[in-house]
Every structure is written in structure tokens, then in C-alpha cells.
Protein backbone atom coordinates (compact mmCIF):
# COMPACT_ATOMS: atom_id res chain seq x y z
CA MET A 1 -91.14 -5.65 20.81
CA GLN A 2 -90.46 -6.95 24.34
CA LEU A 3 -88.60 -10.25 24.34
CA ASP A 4 -89.68 -12.74 26.99
CA GLY A 5 -86.01 -13.64 27.41
CA LEU A 6 -85.34 -10.23 28.92
CA GLU A 7 -87.30 -11.19 32.01
CA ARG A 8 -84.62 -13.53 33.30
CA PHE A 9 -82.09 -10.70 33.23
CA ALA A 10 -84.54 -8.43 35.03
CA ARG A 11 -85.06 -11.10 37.71
CA ARG A 12 -81.34 -11.45 38.25
CA LEU A 13 -80.98 -7.68 38.57
CA ASP A 14 -83.80 -7.68 41.11
CA GLU A 15 -81.96 -10.37 43.07
CA LEU A 16 -78.84 -8.20 43.12
CA GLU A 17 -80.91 -5.28 44.37
CA GLN A 18 -82.36 -7.41 47.17
CA ARG A 19 -78.85 -8.40 48.29
CA GLY A 20 -77.51 -4.86 48.15
CA ALA A 21 -75.19 -5.91 45.32
CA HIS A 22 -76.72 -4.00 42.37
CA ARG A 23 -74.10 -1.76 40.82
CA HIS A 24 -74.76 1.70 39.38
CA LEU A 25 -72.54 4.04 37.43
CA LEU A 26 -71.72 7.18 39.41
CA GLY A 27 -69.90 10.25 38.23
CA ALA A 28 -66.93 11.72 40.04
CA ALA A 29 -68.10 14.13 42.74
CA GLY A 30 -66.53 15.35 45.94
CA ALA A 31 -63.03 14.88 47.30
CA ASP A 32 -61.32 11.92 45.61
CA PHE A 33 -60.87 8.97 47.96
CA THR A 34 -61.69 6.25 45.46
CA SER A 35 -59.57 6.56 42.30
CA ASN A 36 -56.30 4.80 41.50
CA ASP A 37 -54.75 8.05 40.25
CA TYR A 38 -52.26 7.87 43.11
CA LEU A 39 -49.74 10.39 41.74
CA ALA A 40 -52.35 12.71 40.18
CA LEU A 41 -50.96 12.11 36.70
CA ALA A 42 -54.32 11.58 34.96
CA ASP A 43 -54.60 15.33 34.42
CA CYS A 44 -50.90 16.15 34.55
CA ARG A 45 -49.76 19.16 32.52
CA ARG A 46 -46.57 17.43 31.35
CA ILE A 47 -48.46 14.48 29.94
CA ARG A 48 -51.05 16.71 28.27
CA GLU A 49 -48.34 18.79 26.64
CA ALA A 50 -46.45 15.69 25.47
CA MET A 51 -49.63 14.43 23.78
CA GLN A 52 -50.40 17.82 22.27
CA ASP A 53 -46.88 18.05 20.90
CA ALA A 54 -47.20 14.57 19.43
CA LEU A 55 -50.44 15.50 17.68
CA GLN A 56 -48.81 18.60 16.23
CA ARG A 57 -45.98 16.40 14.91
CA GLY A 58 -48.55 14.27 13.10
CA VAL A 59 -48.70 11.31 15.45
CA PRO A 60 -51.99 9.54 14.70
CA SER A 61 -54.72 9.32 17.35
CA GLY A 62 -55.37 5.67 16.48
CA ALA A 63 -53.26 2.68 15.51
CA GLY A 64 -55.49 1.50 12.69
CA GLY A 65 -54.94 -2.20 13.26
CA SER A 66 -53.29 -4.84 15.39
CA ARG A 67 -49.56 -4.73 16.07
CA LEU A 68 -49.02 -7.69 13.70
CA LEU A 69 -50.80 -5.94 10.85
CA ARG A 70 -50.34 -2.21 10.23
CA GLY A 71 -50.85 -1.06 13.81
CA ASN A 72 -47.23 -1.33 14.97
CA HIS A 73 -45.78 2.16 15.42
CA ALA A 74 -42.23 3.30 16.17
CA LEU A 75 -43.60 4.96 19.32
CA HIS A 76 -44.85 1.60 20.63
CA GLU A 77 -41.39 0.15 20.19
CA ARG A 78 -39.70 3.20 21.72
CA LEU A 79 -41.91 2.96 24.80
CA GLU A 80 -41.19 -0.76 25.16
CA ALA A 81 -37.45 -0.16 24.97
CA ASP A 82 -37.67 2.69 27.51
CA ALA A 83 -39.82 0.57 29.83
CA ALA A 84 -37.43 -2.38 29.69
CA ARG A 85 -34.57 -0.08 30.72
CA PHE A 86 -36.65 1.61 33.40
CA PHE A 87 -37.85 -1.60 35.04
CA GLY A 88 -34.57 -3.46 34.54
CA SER A 89 -36.00 -6.26 32.40
CA ALA A 90 -34.78 -7.80 29.17
CA ARG A 91 -37.88 -6.71 27.26
CA ALA A 92 -41.29 -5.10 27.62
CA LEU A 93 -44.50 -5.55 25.65
CA LEU A 94 -47.40 -3.09 25.52
CA PHE A 95 -51.01 -4.23 25.91
CA GLY A 96 -54.24 -2.26 25.72
CA SER A 97 -55.09 -2.75 29.40
CA GLY A 98 -54.04 -4.60 32.52
CA TYR A 99 -57.07 -6.84 32.09
CA ALA A 100 -56.00 -7.81 28.58
CA ALA A 101 -52.43 -8.38 29.73
CA ASN A 102 -53.37 -10.65 32.64
CA THR A 103 -55.75 -12.58 30.45
CA ALA A 104 -53.05 -12.97 27.82
CA LEU A 105 -50.36 -14.07 30.27
CA LEU A 106 -52.38 -16.78 31.98
CA SER A 107 -54.22 -18.10 28.96
CA THR A 108 -51.02 -18.31 26.90
CA LEU A 109 -47.92 -19.06 28.94
CA PRO A 110 -48.82 -21.98 31.26
CA GLN A 111 -49.02 -25.13 29.15
CA ARG A 112 -51.17 -28.23 29.45
CA ASP A 113 -48.75 -30.13 31.74
CA ASP A 114 -48.07 -27.10 33.96
CA LEU A 115 -49.54 -26.04 37.28
CA VAL A 116 -50.62 -22.49 38.16
CA VAL A 117 -50.53 -21.83 41.91
CA TYR A 118 -52.20 -18.52 42.70
CA ASP A 119 -53.01 -16.38 45.69
CA GLU A 120 -56.75 -16.50 46.33
CA TYR A 121 -56.94 -12.67 46.20
CA VAL A 122 -55.42 -12.11 42.74
CA HIS A 123 -57.25 -9.89 40.26
CA ALA A 124 -60.36 -11.10 38.43
CA SER A 125 -58.46 -10.76 35.16
CA ALA A 126 -55.99 -13.39 36.38
CA HIS A 127 -58.87 -15.74 37.17
CA ASP A 128 -60.32 -15.19 33.71
CA GLY A 129 -56.95 -15.89 32.11
CA MET A 130 -56.63 -19.14 34.04
CA LYS A 131 -60.12 -20.20 32.95
CA LEU A 132 -59.08 -19.72 29.32
CA GLY A 133 -55.80 -21.57 29.82
CA ARG A 134 -54.96 -25.27 29.63
CA ALA A 135 -52.93 -25.74 32.80
CA ARG A 136 -54.12 -27.14 36.10
CA VAL A 137 -54.72 -24.48 38.76
CA ALA A 138 -54.60 -24.43 42.55
CA ALA A 139 -55.38 -21.56 44.89
CA PHE A 140 -53.48 -20.95 48.11
CA ALA A 141 -54.56 -18.98 51.16
CA HIS A 142 -53.75 -15.30 50.93
CA ASN A 143 -50.01 -14.60 51.41
CA ASP A 144 -49.45 -18.11 52.80
CA VAL A 145 -46.15 -19.24 51.28
CA GLY A 146 -46.35 -22.56 53.11
CA ALA A 147 -49.72 -23.29 51.51
CA ALA A 148 -48.28 -22.44 48.10
CA GLU A 149 -45.43 -24.86 48.68
CA ASP A 150 -47.84 -27.56 49.83
CA ALA A 151 -49.70 -27.25 46.52
CA LEU A 152 -46.46 -27.45 44.54
CA ARG A 153 -45.17 -30.42 46.53
CA SER A 154 -48.44 -32.30 46.21
CA TRP A 155 -48.44 -31.78 42.46
CA ARG A 156 -44.85 -32.92 42.08
CA THR A 157 -45.29 -36.03 44.23
CA GLY A 158 -48.46 -36.81 42.28
CA GLY A 159 -46.47 -36.98 39.05
CA GLY A 160 -46.62 -33.37 37.89
CA ALA A 161 -43.74 -32.94 35.46
CA GLY A 162 -44.44 -29.61 33.76
CA THR A 163 -43.47 -26.11 34.80
CA PRO A 164 -45.04 -24.47 37.87
CA TRP A 165 -46.27 -20.85 37.82
CA ILE A 166 -46.73 -18.81 40.99
CA VAL A 167 -49.16 -15.91 40.50
CA VAL A 168 -49.47 -13.03 42.97
CA GLU A 169 -50.09 -9.31 43.23
CA SER A 170 -47.26 -7.37 44.81
CA LEU A 171 -49.77 -5.02 46.49
CA TYR A 172 -53.31 -6.30 46.83
CA SER A 173 -55.92 -4.00 45.37
CA MET A 174 -58.67 -4.51 47.93
CA ASP A 175 -56.64 -5.18 51.09
CA GLY A 176 -53.63 -2.91 50.57
CA ASP A 177 -51.17 -5.47 51.92
CA ARG A 178 -48.00 -6.75 50.26
CA ALA A 179 -47.03 -10.16 48.97
CA PRO A 180 -43.97 -11.82 50.58
CA LEU A 181 -42.03 -11.55 47.32
CA ALA A 182 -38.62 -12.51 48.70
CA GLU A 183 -40.00 -15.77 50.14
CA LEU A 184 -41.95 -16.46 46.96
CA ALA A 185 -38.81 -15.95 44.86
CA VAL A 186 -37.01 -18.55 47.00
CA LEU A 187 -39.95 -20.90 46.53
CA ALA A 188 -39.92 -20.33 42.77
CA ALA A 189 -36.20 -21.14 42.60
CA ARG A 190 -36.71 -24.30 44.69
CA TYR A 191 -39.36 -25.64 42.35
CA GLN A 192 -38.00 -24.20 39.07
CA ALA A 193 -41.14 -22.12 38.76
CA PHE A 194 -41.98 -18.87 37.03
CA LEU A 195 -43.08 -16.06 39.33
CA LEU A 196 -45.73 -13.83 37.75
CA ILE A 197 -46.12 -10.58 39.71
CA ASP A 198 -48.98 -8.16 39.09
CA GLU A 199 -47.58 -4.76 40.09
CA ALA A 200 -50.77 -2.85 39.26
CA HIS A 201 -51.03 -0.93 42.54
CA ALA A 202 -47.31 -0.74 43.32
CA THR A 203 -45.96 0.64 40.04
CA GLY A 204 -45.14 4.32 40.47
CA VAL A 205 -45.68 4.20 44.24
CA PHE A 206 -43.00 1.88 45.62
CA GLY A 207 -39.45 0.92 44.73
CA ALA A 208 -36.55 2.95 43.35
CA ASP A 209 -37.98 5.59 40.96
CA GLY A 210 -41.39 3.99 41.43
CA ARG A 211 -40.34 0.76 39.72
CA GLY A 212 -42.56 -1.28 42.04
CA LEU A 213 -42.17 -3.75 44.86
CA ALA A 214 -40.63 -6.34 42.53
CA ALA A 215 -37.87 -3.99 41.37
CA ASP A 216 -35.11 -6.10 42.95
CA LEU A 217 -36.37 -9.22 41.16
CA GLU A 218 -36.88 -7.85 37.67
CA GLY A 219 -34.31 -9.07 35.19
CA GLU A 220 -34.34 -12.59 36.62
CA ASP A 221 -35.23 -15.22 34.01
CA PHE A 222 -38.05 -16.64 36.13
CA VAL A 223 -39.78 -13.29 36.82
CA ILE A 224 -42.56 -11.79 34.71
CA ALA A 225 -44.15 -8.54 35.86
CA LEU A 226 -47.22 -6.60 34.85
CA HIS A 227 -47.17 -2.80 35.18
CA THR A 228 -50.54 -1.24 34.44
CA GLY A 229 -50.61 2.26 32.98
CA GLY A 230 -54.03 3.39 34.18
CA LYS A 231 -53.35 3.70 37.90
CA ALA A 232 -50.35 5.61 39.29
CA LEU A 233 -49.11 6.28 35.75
CA GLY A 234 -52.36 8.08 35.00
CA VAL A 235 -52.83 6.98 31.39
CA GLY A 236 -53.96 3.50 30.29
CA GLY A 237 -52.60 0.35 28.74
CA ALA A 238 -50.19 -2.04 30.45
CA LEU A 239 -46.60 -3.18 30.12
CA VAL A 240 -45.52 -6.79 30.56
CA THR A 241 -41.83 -7.08 31.41
CA GLY A 242 -39.67 -10.17 31.47
CA PRO A 243 -37.38 -12.36 29.37
CA ALA A 244 -37.26 -11.56 25.66
CA ILE A 245 -38.37 -15.11 24.81
CA ILE A 246 -41.54 -14.66 26.88
CA CYS A 247 -42.46 -11.43 25.11
CA ASP A 248 -41.80 -13.00 21.69
CA PHE A 249 -43.97 -15.99 22.66
CA LEU A 250 -46.80 -13.64 23.62
CA ILE A 251 -46.53 -11.81 20.31
CA ASN A 252 -46.92 -15.14 18.51
CA HIS A 253 -49.50 -16.88 20.69
CA ALA A 254 -51.43 -14.45 22.94
CA ARG A 255 -54.87 -13.93 21.42
CA PRO A 256 -55.56 -10.70 23.39
CA PHE A 257 -52.43 -9.28 21.74
CA ILE A 258 -52.76 -10.78 18.25
CA PHE A 259 -56.43 -10.00 17.66
CA ALA A 260 -56.72 -6.59 19.36
CA THR A 261 -56.25 -3.22 17.74
CA ALA A 262 -53.00 -1.80 19.03
CA PRO A 263 -53.12 0.92 21.70
CA PRO A 264 -53.08 4.40 20.14
CA PRO A 265 -49.57 5.75 19.60
CA LEU A 266 -50.64 8.69 21.78
CA VAL A 267 -50.96 6.26 24.70
CA ALA A 268 -47.35 5.24 24.12
CA VAL A 269 -46.31 8.89 24.17
CA ALA A 270 -48.22 9.52 27.40
CA LEU A 271 -46.85 6.42 29.13
CA GLY A 272 -43.31 7.35 28.11
CA GLU A 273 -43.80 10.77 29.68
CA ALA A 274 -45.25 9.19 32.82
CA LEU A 275 -42.11 7.06 33.21
CA ALA A 276 -39.99 10.18 32.79
CA ILE A 277 -42.02 11.89 35.53
CA LEU A 278 -41.36 8.96 37.87
CA ARG A 279 -37.62 9.44 37.35
CA GLU A 280 -37.59 13.22 37.47
CA GLU A 281 -40.24 14.07 40.09
CA PRO A 282 -39.61 11.80 43.10
CA GLN A 283 -41.36 14.36 45.30
CA ARG A 284 -44.71 13.02 44.08
CA ARG A 285 -43.99 9.58 45.48
CA LEU A 286 -42.59 11.00 48.71
CA ARG A 287 -45.62 13.24 49.17
CA LEU A 288 -47.97 10.30 48.60
CA GLY A 289 -46.11 8.28 51.23
CA SER A 290 -46.52 11.12 53.70
CA LEU A 291 -50.25 11.46 53.03
CA ALA A 292 -50.79 7.70 53.34
CA ALA A 293 -48.94 7.67 56.68
CA HIS A 294 -51.10 10.58 57.87
CA ALA A 295 -54.25 8.66 56.91
CA ARG A 296 -53.09 5.52 58.70
CA GLU A 297 -52.34 7.51 61.84
CA GLY A 298 -55.76 9.13 61.60
CA LEU A 299 -57.54 5.78 61.32
CA GLN A 300 -55.77 4.63 64.45
CA ARG A 301 -56.53 7.87 66.30
CA GLU A 302 -60.15 8.33 65.23
CA LEU A 303 -61.35 4.74 64.98
CA GLY A 304 -58.71 2.62 66.70
CA LEU A 305 -58.05 0.77 63.47
CA ALA A 306 -54.71 -0.52 62.21
CA ALA A 307 -54.03 -0.20 58.48
CA PRO A 308 -51.69 -1.78 55.92
CA ASP A 309 -48.51 0.06 54.95
CA SER A 310 -49.79 1.38 51.65
CA GLN A 311 -52.02 3.96 50.03
CA ILE A 312 -54.97 1.52 50.02
CA LEU A 313 -56.88 1.50 53.32
CA PRO A 314 -59.82 -0.94 53.47
CA VAL A 315 -62.41 -0.41 56.17
CA ILE A 316 -64.34 -3.67 56.50
CA ILE A 317 -68.06 -3.15 57.11
CA GLY A 318 -69.35 -6.68 56.52
CA GLU A 319 -72.86 -6.45 55.10
CA SER A 320 -73.14 -5.16 51.53
CA ALA A 321 -76.22 -3.00 52.09
CA ARG A 322 -74.61 -1.37 55.13
CA ALA A 323 -71.42 -0.62 53.19
CA VAL A 324 -73.46 0.99 50.41
CA GLU A 325 -75.39 3.06 52.95
CA ILE A 326 -72.24 4.31 54.69
CA ALA A 327 -70.52 5.12 51.39
CA GLY A 328 -73.60 7.07 50.31
CA ALA A 329 -73.57 9.07 53.53
CA LEU A 330 -69.92 9.96 52.97
CA ARG A 331 -70.59 11.02 49.39
CA ALA A 332 -73.45 13.20 50.61
CA ALA A 333 -70.94 14.82 52.96
CA GLY A 334 -68.64 15.63 50.02
CA PHE A 335 -66.25 12.64 49.99
CA ASP A 336 -66.09 10.32 46.97
CA VAL A 337 -65.93 6.93 48.72
CA ARG A 338 -67.29 3.74 47.18
CA ALA A 339 -68.50 0.46 48.65
CA ILE A 340 -66.72 -2.69 47.46
CA ARG A 341 -68.95 -5.75 47.65
CA PRO A 342 -68.91 -9.48 46.81
CA PRO A 343 -67.98 -11.01 44.45
CA THR A 344 -65.13 -8.49 44.21
CA VAL A 345 -64.31 -9.31 47.84
CA PRO A 346 -65.23 -12.41 49.91
CA GLN A 347 -68.71 -12.79 51.32
CA GLY A 348 -69.18 -10.94 54.60
CA THR A 349 -66.31 -8.51 53.94
CA ALA A 350 -68.01 -5.68 52.05
CA ARG A 351 -65.89 -2.61 52.66
CA LEU A 352 -65.02 0.97 52.03
CA ARG A 353 -61.80 1.12 50.06
CA LEU A 354 -60.15 4.40 51.01
CA SER A 355 -57.64 5.32 48.33
CA ILE A 356 -55.08 7.98 49.19
CA THR A 357 -53.89 10.05 46.22
CA LEU A 358 -52.18 13.36 45.61
CA HIS A 359 -55.64 14.83 45.10
CA ALA A 360 -55.92 14.83 48.91
CA GLU A 361 -54.40 17.02 51.58
CA GLU A 362 -54.00 16.39 55.29
CA ALA A 363 -57.02 18.58 56.03
CA SER A 364 -59.31 16.69 53.64
CA ILE A 365 -58.09 13.35 55.02
CA ASP A 366 -58.85 14.52 58.56
CA ALA A 367 -62.29 15.73 57.48
CA LEU A 368 -63.05 12.39 55.81
CA LEU A 369 -62.00 10.38 58.85
CA GLY A 370 -64.05 12.61 61.13
CA ALA A 371 -67.09 12.11 58.92
CA LEU A 372 -66.49 8.35 58.79
CA ARG A 373 -66.23 8.22 62.58
CA ASP A 374 -69.53 10.05 62.96
CA VAL A 375 -71.33 7.94 60.36
CA LEU A 376 -70.14 4.70 61.93
CA ARG A 377 -71.16 5.82 65.41
CA GLU A 378 -74.61 6.82 64.20
CA ARG A 379 -75.23 3.52 62.43
CA GLU A 380 -73.28 0.82 64.24
CA PRO A 381 -70.50 1.68 66.74
CA THR A 382 -68.50 -1.53 66.25
CA ALA A 383 -69.21 -2.17 62.57
CA ALA A 384 -65.81 -1.56 61.02
CA ARG A 385 -62.32 -2.90 61.01
CA VAL A 386 -59.36 -2.30 58.70
CA GLY A 387 -57.86 -5.17 56.78
CA SER A 388 -59.12 -8.62 55.94
């Protein structure tokens, strides 16, 4: 039976196709310039062996329930204790994903009389958490501390008496640039605000032992950080770090924690091993920094483009259909590059997001940039720029 109601979904998919915004699932093929597996830990021998050893010891593959029922395992608690020590926080709490953690944080912690001031480029999961929350929200222009302060001041002078929350990413996932964390920390102290820092793309890559760009701030009572496990750590899940009271409040009130089956104990084992690798194999992080610098120099040399000081190098194309076409040409040439389009990024800024990982070598980076240069020249000589 064909439901008439299906037609409206088909029409909307057709509209996406017309705008060059229809998404398709693609398998991994070619040299990796798109994943977030920055340190090449997703297929790391040490992590595999740690999980195999755990299985042989009888560690279950599933949790069997939520953490508040029968799903709490000693390995969850061990990981949380290790993570708190590693990141320098009072406590850590494990979630099933970064998306679940961001949704939990922003739907649970800010209260009805509070104000959430957020960078306009924060993750979609943060936006979804704010939509589920009860606090007022106000966006500020990307990395504009003055605009954030204007929003806080306006709220205070208008009678706002609750607690402010400042929400940022330490390293922005689609632009590769860094938040001005030191200035934001001063602003948070001035307004008695919490500073919520999403470290998704900085954990494992920056900071002492890969602790992230907020490493110097962790342990402060007003700082809450989110360290996802599925990017540089190569596994899955996410760790929220911060004051013990905050973690206890989440355990008691965060619906994405209370009503979700706990992450498998094997995930806790794997994440614990990933943290050990960060401590014991600094050469991975140093090598990644060298490759990213090589790629930035190549973009400048081949295309005359400046790039942010990170492993994420966005090449702005503009039109969605054109970005898809260029990405397809690069994949046909053997390079796994994907087009990022609205609504993930602002209208008119569809881009190629070049992700540098330890799966690359200098030679493959040079080959990619040469191919990108040729494709751009063939299609539109002045079509690209790096950054937002």
C-alpha cells in the first residue's frame, strides 16, 4: 500500500536535490581526507588488544540497561576516575555520544531564569539541547567576545537575575579556528557565568598530553568541558568533565543520561586505553601537527590560500552544487573529500572540509592539493577561499 502522506516527503527530497543539498551515504574509499580519526586510533592495535583482552576476561559486550538500573559497570567508573585525573577536573561522566552529552548539558543545566549566550557556530547538538531547555538564549557573532558581553550586559540591565552560561567550541568543526578561551574565561568571571567548552575537535590534538585547548582552565568551578571519544580518541562515547556537583546533577536530572542504555563496558575499556596512548605516545600528536603544517603551507603555495592553525582546513566554494561537483571529482581521483553544505554551514559558504589525519603522508597531501588546484582551475579559477 502506498500512503498519500509519503508524497510530501518525496517532494521535500526533490527540493533538496534541486538545491544540491540532497545527502547520500557514501562508503569510505580513497585516501582519507574527511574523517575525524586524527590520531589514527580507530583501528589501533593497542585498543583492539585491550578490547580483546577484556572480552577474554568476561567483560560483557553490552551494558544491559541504563546506568541507574543495572547498566552501571565498574569499568565505567574506572574510566571516569581516570578521565578526571587526566583532564584535571573534579569529576567526569560518561555519555553514549557527544550529541547526547551536549543535548543533556544544555537541556538540563541552564535553569528557567538563566541566560545561555552561545557562539553562532556551535554544534547542532548544542542547538538541540538549548531548544529542549528552559533558559533564554542569545547568539553572538562567531568568536566576538565583545558581542557576547553585550548580550550579557543587556540581559543583566534588563533585570536578568539568574546564572549566565557561555557556550563555545574550543576548535570549530567546520572552520578549524579556535575560540578565544582566555578572554571568555575573564568574561565568565566578570559575570559569574559558567563556561561550557566543547572540546570535540581539540581533545587528543592540542594541549599537554592531548588534554585539549581548555586544559589550563579545567578544574575551575565555572568550567564544564565535553571531550568526545569518537574523533581523535578513535572510539565513541563522550566524557563530560567539571565540578562533582554538576556531574551528580546530570545523573539525577539529565534525560539523555537517565533514560539511555549505558555505553558498553568495552567502550570504557577502549577509551581508557586511548587516554593511555595520549600520555604514552606523544609522537602521534607531534606527527599530526607536522602534517597539518605541511598541508597549510601547501594550500598557500598551490592556491594562495591562508588556513587556520589546526588540522581542519576548510576550502570555501560557495554554491552547494559546485562544492558537491568538486568533491566528486576529487573522490574520482582517489581522495576521500566531502562537501559540507547548508544548513551545516551558513548559506553561500558550502565548502570542502579537508581533514588532516595520521592516515595521510606528505606525498598524499601534496597529491591532493595538486588535484584540487587542477579541479578548481578547470571549473572556476577564483572559486575558493580558506576560512569563513
